[in-house]
Amino acid sequence: MSSSTTTSDSALDLLFDPSLIPAEIRSQLPQDLHIRPLSSTDYHRGHLDVLKVLTTVTDPGESAWVSQFEHFRSLPRTYYALVIVDKPTDRIVAVGTVFIERKFLRGLGSVGHIEDIAVDKSQQGKKLGLRVIQALTGISENSGCYKTILNCSDSNIPFYEKCGFQKKENEMAKYAPERPHSLKL
């Protein structure tokens, strides 16, 4: 695909309306980078490769990846995964997601959950993670969420504090027992 694909992906290919990404964030990126919603064509742009910065990533294959993308898209106003693309190479260099949880409390309020923030190792130190967090927080707030939360390792607390977050409460986790891998799509 040509580098122009990153800026001309059809709205039909995108997870959500790109106008939801605050314009201020777009203007703060270098000219050779573009921030936009995840596209159904991003499997080949290295989406999973960037996520490997976080943890072990199993490649489910393009068909299963696209099926997961379509599932996210079938739930409007819920999943907002975005990417930063390097225009010259047409490769994804940063990713992040916020999903909106609708609640019964706080007057049927909503909470934004930020997940899976990753920046390609070759691009770290350029404030791309900050821009992703700012964009996702903007989407959460503009969606009416009364708060935006995330989980992180202790070593990442200083970064998220620079992004305006504060340590609050504790996270608990219970992992399911290991099972044979099967896709539930």
Protein backbone atom coordinates (compact mmCIF):
# COMPACT_ATOMS: atom_id res chain seq x y z
CA MET A 1 0.00 0.00 0.00
CA SER A 2 1.22 3.48 -0.67
CA SER A 3 1.95 5.99 2.04
CA SER A 4 -1.08 7.99 0.90
CA THR A 5 -3.28 5.13 2.12
CA THR A 6 -2.76 6.24 5.71
CA THR A 7 -4.48 9.53 5.10
CA SER A 8 -7.02 8.36 2.55
CA ASP A 9 -8.44 5.20 4.14
CA SER A 10 -12.14 5.19 3.44
CA ALA A 11 -14.41 6.06 6.35
CA LEU A 12 -15.87 2.60 5.76
CA ASP A 13 -12.50 1.11 6.74
CA LEU A 14 -12.16 3.06 10.00
CA LEU A 15 -13.31 1.96 13.45
CA PHE A 16 -14.86 5.34 14.30
CA ASP A 17 -15.25 8.87 12.98
CA PRO A 18 -11.78 10.47 12.85
CA SER A 19 -13.23 13.86 13.80
CA LEU A 20 -13.51 12.51 17.37
CA ILE A 21 -9.72 12.75 17.72
CA PRO A 22 -9.02 16.25 19.08
CA ALA A 23 -7.57 18.52 16.37
CA GLU A 24 -5.06 19.90 18.87
CA ILE A 25 -3.45 16.45 19.12
CA ARG A 26 -3.17 16.17 15.33
CA SER A 27 -1.40 19.52 15.17
CA GLN A 28 1.17 18.46 17.79
CA LEU A 29 2.49 15.54 15.76
CA PRO A 30 5.46 15.84 13.39
CA GLN A 31 4.53 16.23 9.70
CA ASP A 32 5.61 12.67 8.88
CA LEU A 33 3.16 11.13 11.38
CA HIS A 34 -0.63 10.79 11.20
CA ILE A 35 -3.04 9.86 14.01
CA ARG A 36 -6.31 8.20 13.07
CA PRO A 37 -8.77 5.48 14.08
CA LEU A 38 -7.72 1.87 13.62
CA SER A 39 -8.51 0.71 10.08
CA SER A 40 -9.68 -2.69 8.87
CA THR A 41 -6.52 -2.69 6.72
CA ASP A 42 -4.08 -2.15 9.63
CA TYR A 43 -3.21 -5.81 10.08
CA HIS A 44 -0.57 -5.38 7.36
CA ARG A 45 0.72 -2.09 8.80
CA GLY A 46 2.16 -3.79 11.88
CA HIS A 47 -0.61 -3.27 14.43
CA LEU A 48 0.27 -6.48 16.28
CA ASP A 49 4.02 -5.80 16.03
CA VAL A 50 3.64 -2.56 18.00
CA LEU A 51 1.56 -4.32 20.66
CA LYS A 52 4.50 -6.73 21.23
CA VAL A 53 6.13 -3.90 23.18
CA LEU A 54 3.58 -4.68 25.94
CA THR A 55 3.41 -8.45 26.15
CA THR A 56 3.41 -11.67 24.20
CA VAL A 57 1.20 -11.28 21.15
CA THR A 58 -0.12 -14.29 19.28
CA ASP A 59 -0.87 -13.55 15.63
CA PRO A 60 -4.37 -14.95 15.02
CA GLY A 61 -4.06 -14.45 11.25
CA GLU A 62 -5.58 -11.72 9.13
CA SER A 63 -9.07 -13.22 8.93
CA ALA A 64 -9.44 -13.50 12.72
CA TRP A 65 -7.90 -10.03 13.22
CA VAL A 66 -10.43 -8.52 10.79
CA SER A 67 -13.25 -10.42 12.51
CA GLN A 68 -12.22 -8.89 15.85
CA PHE A 69 -12.08 -5.44 14.22
CA GLU A 70 -15.61 -5.93 12.82
CA HIS A 71 -16.83 -7.02 16.26
CA PHE A 72 -15.47 -3.79 17.76
CA ARG A 73 -17.10 -1.79 14.97
CA SER A 74 -20.46 -3.54 15.57
CA LEU A 75 -20.57 -1.86 19.00
CA PRO A 76 -20.76 1.85 18.15
CA ARG A 77 -19.67 4.40 20.76
CA THR A 78 -17.86 1.66 22.70
CA TYR A 79 -14.42 0.91 21.24
CA TYR A 80 -12.03 3.64 20.15
CA ALA A 81 -8.72 2.12 19.04
CA LEU A 82 -6.38 4.55 17.34
CA VAL A 83 -2.99 4.43 15.70
CA ILE A 84 -0.17 6.75 14.77
CA VAL A 85 1.19 5.92 11.33
CA ASP A 86 4.59 6.85 9.92
CA LYS A 87 3.64 8.31 6.52
CA PRO A 88 6.87 7.51 4.63
CA THR A 89 6.78 3.81 5.56
CA ASP A 90 2.99 3.40 6.00
CA ARG A 91 3.74 1.51 9.24
CA ILE A 92 2.01 1.87 12.60
CA VAL A 93 4.36 3.27 15.25
CA ALA A 94 1.97 3.80 18.20
CA VAL A 95 -1.39 2.41 19.33
CA GLY A 96 -3.94 2.79 22.10
CA THR A 97 -7.57 2.08 22.91
CA VAL A 98 -10.25 3.53 25.11
CA PHE A 99 -13.47 1.62 25.61
CA ILE A 100 -16.56 3.14 27.15
CA GLU A 101 -18.28 1.29 29.98
CA ARG A 102 -21.86 2.34 30.54
CA LYS A 103 -23.01 2.18 34.16
CA PHE A 104 -26.18 2.29 36.21
CA LEU A 105 -24.62 4.56 38.81
CA ARG A 106 -23.84 8.27 38.58
CA GLY A 107 -27.02 8.96 36.66
CA LEU A 108 -26.32 6.24 34.09
CA GLY A 109 -22.81 7.61 33.68
CA SER A 110 -19.94 6.22 31.64
CA VAL A 111 -16.29 5.48 32.35
CA GLY A 112 -13.49 5.44 29.79
CA HIS A 113 -10.98 2.61 30.19
CA ILE A 114 -7.64 3.21 28.47
CA GLU A 115 -5.87 0.03 27.40
CA ASP A 116 -2.97 -1.22 25.30
CA ILE A 117 -0.83 1.90 24.97
CA ALA A 118 2.27 0.96 22.98
CA VAL A 119 4.92 2.83 21.02
CA ASP A 120 7.38 1.11 18.69
CA LYS A 121 10.80 0.96 20.36
CA SER A 122 12.35 2.97 17.52
CA GLN A 123 9.87 5.82 18.17
CA GLN A 124 9.96 6.00 21.98
CA GLY A 125 10.98 9.30 23.55
CA LYS A 126 9.12 11.39 20.94
CA LYS A 127 5.99 12.02 23.06
CA LEU A 128 3.87 9.69 20.91
CA GLY A 129 2.58 7.84 24.00
CA LEU A 130 1.59 11.18 25.50
CA ARG A 131 -0.27 12.13 22.30
CA VAL A 132 -2.11 8.79 22.25
CA ILE A 133 -3.13 9.22 25.91
CA GLN A 134 -4.27 12.81 25.27
CA ALA A 135 -6.31 11.74 22.24
CA LEU A 136 -7.96 8.85 24.08
CA THR A 137 -8.69 10.99 27.13
CA GLY A 138 -10.24 13.61 24.84
CA ILE A 139 -12.45 10.97 23.21
CA SER A 140 -13.48 9.68 26.65
CA GLU A 141 -14.32 13.15 27.96
CA ASN A 142 -16.11 14.18 24.76
CA SER A 143 -18.16 10.96 25.03
CA GLY A 144 -19.47 12.18 28.39
CA CYS A 145 -17.41 9.94 30.66
CA TYR A 146 -17.21 11.20 34.23
CA LYS A 147 -13.74 9.64 34.58
CA THR A 148 -11.05 7.97 32.52
CA ILE A 149 -9.02 5.21 34.13
CA LEU A 150 -6.15 2.89 33.25
CA ASN A 151 -3.96 0.24 34.82
CA CYS A 152 -0.19 0.36 34.60
CA SER A 153 2.93 -1.11 36.12
CA ASP A 154 4.60 0.77 38.95
CA SER A 155 7.44 1.71 36.61
CA ASN A 156 4.99 3.56 34.32
CA ILE A 157 3.34 5.63 37.08
CA PRO A 158 5.61 8.67 36.48
CA PHE A 159 4.70 8.68 32.76
CA TYR A 160 0.97 8.59 33.44
CA GLU A 161 1.29 11.27 36.11
CA LYS A 162 2.86 13.50 33.41
CA CYS A 163 -0.26 12.75 31.35
CA GLY A 164 -2.47 14.13 34.15
CA PHE A 165 -3.46 10.85 35.83
CA GLN A 166 -3.09 10.21 39.54
CA LYS A 167 -2.61 7.00 41.49
CA LYS A 168 -5.95 5.97 42.95
CA GLU A 169 -6.98 2.77 44.68
CA ASN A 170 -5.57 -0.65 43.72
CA GLU A 171 -5.99 -3.13 40.92
CA MET A 172 -6.82 -6.75 41.61
CA ALA A 173 -6.63 -9.55 39.05
CA LYS A 174 -7.59 -13.19 38.85
CA TYR A 175 -6.40 -14.97 35.77
CA ALA A 176 -8.35 -17.85 34.28
CA PRO A 177 -6.61 -21.23 34.25
CA GLU A 178 -4.55 -21.98 31.14
CA ARG A 179 -6.63 -23.65 28.42
CA PRO A 180 -5.98 -24.68 24.88
CA HIS A 181 -6.06 -21.57 22.70
CA SER A 182 -9.28 -21.13 20.75
CA LEU A 183 -10.72 -18.04 19.15
CA LYS A 184 -14.19 -17.02 20.28
CA LEU A 185 -15.45 -14.85 17.46
